[in-house]
């Protein structure tokens, strides 16, 4: 059974960098041909795809966030890291770590609330 767990600070100051870790158990993040991504949902808004890292290590980012988003992985720990720089209050959202193919996400973490506020 694949289990996905997000962790990180619940509060981050504007202009700082948000770092979240996705820990995966029950499956390897290098297994062909899955992608591991990050999706967020601001309050009152729709789900927003942020980016993903493929089984090969190649990264992909949505254009609107590409300039300040970085996704990396630690295969020895089976973890995926999200870094979002220069945060603003508009980055307040629930952040989800997900697994899938062709943008169809079949496994989701429970999500972690992040509030960008001073």
N, C-alpha and C. Protein backbone atom coordinates (compact mmCIF):
# COMPACT_ATOMS: atom_id res chain seq x y z
N UNK A 1 0.84 -1.19 0.00
CA UNK A 1 0.00 0.00 0.00
C UNK A 1 0.88 1.25 0.00
N UNK A 2 0.75 2.06 -1.03
CA UNK A 2 1.52 3.29 -1.12
C UNK A 2 0.95 4.32 -0.15
N UNK A 3 1.84 4.91 0.63
CA UNK A 3 1.45 5.95 1.56
C UNK A 3 2.30 7.18 1.31
N UNK A 4 1.65 8.33 1.27
CA UNK A 4 2.31 9.60 0.97
C UNK A 4 2.05 10.56 2.13
N UNK A 5 3.12 11.16 2.63
CA UNK A 5 3.00 12.04 3.79
C UNK A 5 3.80 13.32 3.58
N UNK A 6 3.10 14.46 3.63
CA UNK A 6 3.75 15.76 3.53
C UNK A 6 4.14 16.26 4.92
N UNK A 7 5.23 16.97 4.99
CA UNK A 7 5.65 17.57 6.25
C UNK A 7 6.40 18.86 5.99
N UNK A 8 6.35 19.75 6.96
CA UNK A 8 7.02 21.03 6.85
C UNK A 8 6.37 22.06 7.74
N UNK A 9 6.85 23.29 7.69
CA UNK A 9 6.31 24.33 8.56
C UNK A 9 4.90 24.72 8.15
N UNK A 10 4.06 24.99 9.12
CA UNK A 10 2.72 25.44 8.82
C UNK A 10 2.64 26.93 8.58
N UNK A 11 3.68 27.65 8.96
CA UNK A 11 3.72 29.09 8.82
C UNK A 11 5.06 29.52 8.24
N UNK A 12 5.03 30.39 7.25
CA UNK A 12 6.24 30.91 6.63
C UNK A 12 6.09 32.41 6.42
N UNK A 13 7.16 33.15 6.61
CA UNK A 13 7.13 34.59 6.44
C UNK A 13 7.19 34.98 4.97
N UNK A 14 6.42 35.99 4.58
CA UNK A 14 6.53 36.49 3.20
C UNK A 14 7.97 36.88 2.86
N UNK A 15 8.34 36.62 1.62
CA UNK A 15 9.68 36.84 1.06
C UNK A 15 10.64 35.69 1.36
N UNK A 16 10.27 34.81 2.26
CA UNK A 16 11.12 33.67 2.58
C UNK A 16 10.82 32.49 1.67
N UNK A 17 11.55 31.41 1.85
CA UNK A 17 11.39 30.21 1.04
C UNK A 17 10.66 29.13 1.83
N UNK A 18 9.63 28.57 1.21
CA UNK A 18 8.90 27.46 1.78
C UNK A 18 9.54 26.15 1.37
N UNK A 19 9.76 25.26 2.32
CA UNK A 19 10.31 23.94 2.03
C UNK A 19 9.39 22.88 2.62
N UNK A 20 8.95 21.97 1.77
CA UNK A 20 8.10 20.86 2.19
C UNK A 20 8.74 19.56 1.75
N UNK A 21 8.54 18.52 2.54
CA UNK A 21 9.07 17.20 2.23
C UNK A 21 7.93 16.21 2.09
N UNK A 22 8.00 15.40 1.06
CA UNK A 22 7.05 14.33 0.83
C UNK A 22 7.77 13.01 1.06
N UNK A 23 7.31 12.26 2.04
CA UNK A 23 7.90 10.97 2.35
C UNK A 23 6.98 9.86 1.85
N UNK A 24 7.55 8.94 1.08
CA UNK A 24 6.78 7.88 0.45
C UNK A 24 7.17 6.53 1.03
N UNK A 25 6.18 5.73 1.34
CA UNK A 25 6.41 4.35 1.77
C UNK A 25 5.53 3.42 0.96
N UNK A 26 5.92 2.15 0.86
CA UNK A 26 5.15 1.18 0.10
C UNK A 26 5.40 1.21 -1.39
N UNK A 27 6.33 2.02 -1.84
CA UNK A 27 6.67 2.13 -3.25
C UNK A 27 7.87 3.03 -3.43
N UNK A 28 8.63 2.78 -4.47
CA UNK A 28 9.83 3.56 -4.75
C UNK A 28 9.51 4.74 -5.65
N UNK A 29 10.11 5.88 -5.37
CA UNK A 29 9.90 7.06 -6.20
C UNK A 29 10.63 6.96 -7.53
N UNK A 30 11.43 5.92 -7.72
CA UNK A 30 12.12 5.71 -8.99
C UNK A 30 11.45 4.66 -9.86
N UNK A 31 10.35 4.10 -9.42
CA UNK A 31 9.65 3.07 -10.19
C UNK A 31 9.11 3.61 -11.51
N UNK A 32 9.44 2.91 -12.60
CA UNK A 32 8.89 3.27 -13.91
C UNK A 32 7.38 3.04 -13.92
N UNK A 33 6.63 3.88 -14.50
CA UNK A 33 6.93 5.14 -15.12
C UNK A 33 6.15 6.26 -14.42
N UNK A 34 6.26 6.30 -13.12
CA UNK A 34 5.46 7.23 -12.34
C UNK A 34 6.12 8.60 -12.17
N UNK A 35 5.26 9.59 -11.99
CA UNK A 35 5.68 10.95 -11.68
C UNK A 35 5.21 11.31 -10.29
N UNK A 36 6.00 12.08 -9.60
CA UNK A 36 5.65 12.56 -8.26
C UNK A 36 5.55 14.08 -8.31
N UNK A 37 4.38 14.57 -7.95
CA UNK A 37 4.12 15.99 -8.11
C UNK A 37 3.62 16.69 -6.87
N UNK A 38 3.47 17.99 -7.03
CA UNK A 38 2.92 18.85 -5.98
C UNK A 38 1.74 19.62 -6.54
N UNK A 39 0.65 19.59 -5.80
CA UNK A 39 -0.57 20.30 -6.14
C UNK A 39 -0.99 21.08 -4.91
N UNK A 40 -1.49 22.28 -5.11
CA UNK A 40 -1.94 23.07 -3.98
C UNK A 40 -3.34 23.61 -4.21
N UNK A 41 -4.00 23.96 -3.11
CA UNK A 41 -5.34 24.53 -3.19
C UNK A 41 -5.46 25.69 -2.22
N UNK A 42 -5.41 26.92 -2.73
CA UNK A 42 -5.65 28.08 -1.87
C UNK A 42 -7.08 28.09 -1.38
N UNK A 43 -7.35 28.74 -0.26
CA UNK A 43 -8.73 28.75 0.25
C UNK A 43 -9.69 29.38 -0.75
N UNK A 44 -10.79 28.68 -1.01
CA UNK A 44 -11.80 29.17 -1.92
C UNK A 44 -11.45 29.07 -3.38
N UNK A 45 -10.32 28.46 -3.72
CA UNK A 45 -9.89 28.36 -5.11
C UNK A 45 -9.75 26.91 -5.54
N UNK A 46 -9.51 26.71 -6.82
CA UNK A 46 -9.38 25.38 -7.38
C UNK A 46 -7.99 24.81 -7.14
N UNK A 47 -7.88 23.51 -7.33
CA UNK A 47 -6.59 22.85 -7.26
C UNK A 47 -5.66 23.40 -8.33
N UNK A 48 -4.39 23.58 -7.97
CA UNK A 48 -3.41 24.12 -8.89
C UNK A 48 -2.20 23.20 -8.95
N UNK A 49 -1.92 22.68 -10.13
CA UNK A 49 -0.73 21.87 -10.35
C UNK A 49 0.50 22.76 -10.32
N UNK A 50 1.50 22.36 -9.56
CA UNK A 50 2.72 23.15 -9.44
C UNK A 50 3.88 22.60 -10.27
N UNK A 51 4.07 21.30 -10.20
CA UNK A 51 5.16 20.68 -10.92
C UNK A 51 5.34 19.25 -10.48
N UNK A 52 6.30 18.57 -11.09
CA UNK A 52 6.52 17.17 -10.78
C UNK A 52 7.95 16.77 -11.11
N UNK A 53 8.34 15.64 -10.55
CA UNK A 53 9.62 15.03 -10.87
C UNK A 53 9.35 13.61 -11.32
N UNK A 54 9.93 13.23 -12.44
CA UNK A 54 9.69 11.92 -13.02
C UNK A 54 10.58 10.86 -12.38
N UNK A 55 10.26 9.62 -12.69
CA UNK A 55 11.05 8.48 -12.23
C UNK A 55 12.52 8.61 -12.62
N UNK A 56 12.77 9.32 -13.73
CA UNK A 56 14.12 9.51 -14.23
C UNK A 56 14.86 10.64 -13.52
N UNK A 57 14.12 11.48 -12.78
CA UNK A 57 14.70 12.64 -12.14
C UNK A 57 14.45 13.94 -12.86
N UNK A 58 13.89 13.89 -14.06
CA UNK A 58 13.56 15.09 -14.81
C UNK A 58 12.44 15.85 -14.14
N UNK A 59 12.57 17.17 -14.08
CA UNK A 59 11.55 18.00 -13.43
C UNK A 59 10.73 18.78 -14.43
N UNK A 60 9.51 19.10 -14.03
CA UNK A 60 8.57 19.86 -14.84
C UNK A 60 7.85 20.84 -13.94
N UNK A 61 7.62 22.06 -14.44
CA UNK A 61 6.99 23.09 -13.64
C UNK A 61 5.92 23.81 -14.43
N UNK A 62 4.86 24.19 -13.76
CA UNK A 62 3.85 25.01 -14.42
C UNK A 62 4.45 26.39 -14.67
N UNK A 63 4.19 26.98 -15.83
CA UNK A 63 4.85 28.25 -16.19
C UNK A 63 4.68 29.37 -15.17
N UNK A 64 3.52 29.47 -14.56
CA UNK A 64 3.26 30.57 -13.64
C UNK A 64 4.10 30.52 -12.37
N UNK A 65 4.65 29.36 -12.04
CA UNK A 65 5.43 29.20 -10.82
C UNK A 65 6.86 28.77 -11.08
N UNK A 66 7.21 28.56 -12.32
CA UNK A 66 8.52 27.99 -12.66
C UNK A 66 9.69 28.78 -12.11
N UNK A 67 9.59 30.09 -12.12
CA UNK A 67 10.72 30.93 -11.74
C UNK A 67 11.09 30.81 -10.27
N UNK A 68 10.17 30.37 -9.44
CA UNK A 68 10.46 30.29 -8.01
C UNK A 68 10.16 28.93 -7.39
N UNK A 69 10.03 27.90 -8.21
CA UNK A 69 9.74 26.56 -7.74
C UNK A 69 10.90 25.62 -8.04
N UNK A 70 11.23 24.79 -7.08
CA UNK A 70 12.25 23.77 -7.27
C UNK A 70 11.80 22.47 -6.63
N UNK A 71 11.80 21.41 -7.41
CA UNK A 71 11.45 20.08 -6.91
C UNK A 71 12.67 19.18 -7.04
N UNK A 72 13.00 18.50 -5.98
CA UNK A 72 14.14 17.60 -5.98
C UNK A 72 13.78 16.32 -5.24
N UNK A 73 14.71 15.37 -5.24
CA UNK A 73 14.43 14.10 -4.58
C UNK A 73 15.67 13.54 -3.92
N UNK A 74 15.43 12.70 -2.93
CA UNK A 74 16.48 11.95 -2.27
C UNK A 74 16.06 10.49 -2.36
N UNK A 75 16.63 9.77 -3.30
CA UNK A 75 16.20 8.40 -3.54
C UNK A 75 16.53 7.46 -2.38
N UNK A 76 17.59 7.76 -1.64
CA UNK A 76 17.95 6.92 -0.50
C UNK A 76 16.93 7.02 0.62
N UNK A 77 16.25 8.15 0.71
CA UNK A 77 15.23 8.37 1.73
C UNK A 77 13.82 8.24 1.17
N UNK A 78 13.70 8.05 -0.14
CA UNK A 78 12.40 7.96 -0.80
C UNK A 78 11.57 9.22 -0.51
N UNK A 79 12.21 10.37 -0.69
CA UNK A 79 11.57 11.64 -0.39
C UNK A 79 11.64 12.60 -1.57
N UNK A 80 10.62 13.42 -1.69
CA UNK A 80 10.56 14.48 -2.68
C UNK A 80 10.43 15.81 -1.94
N UNK A 81 11.22 16.79 -2.33
CA UNK A 81 11.22 18.09 -1.68
C UNK A 81 10.68 19.17 -2.61
N UNK A 82 9.84 20.01 -2.06
CA UNK A 82 9.34 21.20 -2.76
C UNK A 82 9.92 22.44 -2.10
N UNK A 83 10.48 23.32 -2.91
CA UNK A 83 10.93 24.62 -2.43
C UNK A 83 10.26 25.71 -3.25
N UNK A 84 9.62 26.64 -2.57
CA UNK A 84 8.95 27.76 -3.21
C UNK A 84 9.51 29.03 -2.61
N UNK A 85 10.20 29.81 -3.41
CA UNK A 85 10.88 31.01 -2.93
C UNK A 85 9.98 32.23 -3.01
N UNK A 86 10.41 33.29 -2.33
CA UNK A 86 9.72 34.59 -2.36
C UNK A 86 8.23 34.47 -2.14
N UNK A 87 7.85 33.79 -1.09
CA UNK A 87 6.43 33.54 -0.84
C UNK A 87 5.69 34.83 -0.51
N UNK A 88 4.42 34.85 -0.88
CA UNK A 88 3.51 35.94 -0.58
C UNK A 88 2.28 35.37 0.08
N UNK A 89 1.41 36.21 0.63
CA UNK A 89 0.16 35.68 1.22
C UNK A 89 -0.67 34.86 0.23
N UNK A 90 -0.51 35.12 -1.07
CA UNK A 90 -1.25 34.36 -2.08
C UNK A 90 -0.78 32.92 -2.19
N UNK A 91 0.34 32.59 -1.56
CA UNK A 91 0.82 31.21 -1.55
C UNK A 91 0.21 30.39 -0.42
N UNK A 92 -0.61 31.02 0.41
CA UNK A 92 -1.32 30.29 1.45
C UNK A 92 -2.23 29.25 0.81
N UNK A 93 -2.07 27.99 1.22
CA UNK A 93 -2.83 26.92 0.59
C UNK A 93 -2.58 25.62 1.34
N UNK A 94 -3.39 24.62 0.99
CA UNK A 94 -3.09 23.25 1.38
C UNK A 94 -2.24 22.65 0.27
N UNK A 95 -1.11 22.09 0.62
CA UNK A 95 -0.18 21.53 -0.35
C UNK A 95 -0.22 20.01 -0.30
N UNK A 96 -0.38 19.40 -1.48
CA UNK A 96 -0.47 17.95 -1.60
C UNK A 96 0.69 17.39 -2.40
N UNK A 97 1.22 16.28 -1.95
CA UNK A 97 2.16 15.49 -2.71
C UNK A 97 1.38 14.35 -3.37
N UNK A 98 1.61 14.14 -4.67
CA UNK A 98 0.79 13.19 -5.42
C UNK A 98 1.66 12.31 -6.32
N UNK A 99 1.11 11.15 -6.68
CA UNK A 99 1.74 10.25 -7.64
C UNK A 99 0.79 9.99 -8.79
N UNK A 100 1.34 9.87 -9.99
CA UNK A 100 0.48 9.56 -11.11
C UNK A 100 1.20 9.47 -12.43
N UNK A 101 0.41 9.38 -13.47
CA UNK A 101 0.88 9.34 -14.85
C UNK A 101 -0.07 10.18 -15.70
N UNK A 102 0.50 10.85 -16.69
CA UNK A 102 -0.32 11.64 -17.63
C UNK A 102 -1.24 12.62 -16.91
N UNK A 103 -0.76 13.20 -15.83
CA UNK A 103 -1.50 14.18 -15.03
C UNK A 103 -2.73 13.59 -14.35
N UNK A 104 -2.83 12.27 -14.29
CA UNK A 104 -3.89 11.60 -13.56
C UNK A 104 -3.28 11.08 -12.26
N UNK A 105 -3.62 11.71 -11.15
CA UNK A 105 -2.97 11.45 -9.88
C UNK A 105 -3.77 10.43 -9.07
N UNK A 106 -3.19 9.25 -8.86
CA UNK A 106 -3.92 8.16 -8.21
C UNK A 106 -3.63 8.01 -6.72
N UNK A 107 -2.54 8.57 -6.25
CA UNK A 107 -2.23 8.56 -4.83
C UNK A 107 -1.95 9.98 -4.37
N UNK A 108 -2.58 10.34 -3.27
CA UNK A 108 -2.46 11.67 -2.70
C UNK A 108 -2.07 11.60 -1.24
N UNK A 109 -1.24 12.52 -0.79
CA UNK A 109 -1.03 12.69 0.63
C UNK A 109 -2.26 13.36 1.23
N UNK A 110 -2.30 13.44 2.53
CA UNK A 110 -3.44 14.06 3.19
C UNK A 110 -3.43 15.58 3.05
N UNK A 111 -2.31 16.14 2.65
CA UNK A 111 -2.17 17.58 2.49
C UNK A 111 -1.66 18.23 3.76
N UNK A 112 -0.96 19.32 3.59
CA UNK A 112 -0.47 20.08 4.73
C UNK A 112 -0.78 21.56 4.52
N UNK A 113 -1.34 22.18 5.54
CA UNK A 113 -1.70 23.59 5.47
C UNK A 113 -0.47 24.46 5.64
N UNK A 114 -0.30 25.40 4.73
CA UNK A 114 0.79 26.37 4.81
C UNK A 114 0.19 27.77 4.75
N UNK A 115 0.54 28.58 5.72
CA UNK A 115 0.08 29.96 5.76
C UNK A 115 1.28 30.89 5.61
N UNK A 116 1.23 31.76 4.62
CA UNK A 116 2.28 32.74 4.40
C UNK A 116 1.84 34.05 5.03
N UNK A 117 2.40 34.37 6.18
CA UNK A 117 2.00 35.56 6.91
C UNK A 117 3.12 35.99 7.84
N UNK A 118 3.20 37.27 8.05
CA UNK A 118 4.17 37.82 8.99
C UNK A 118 3.56 38.07 10.35
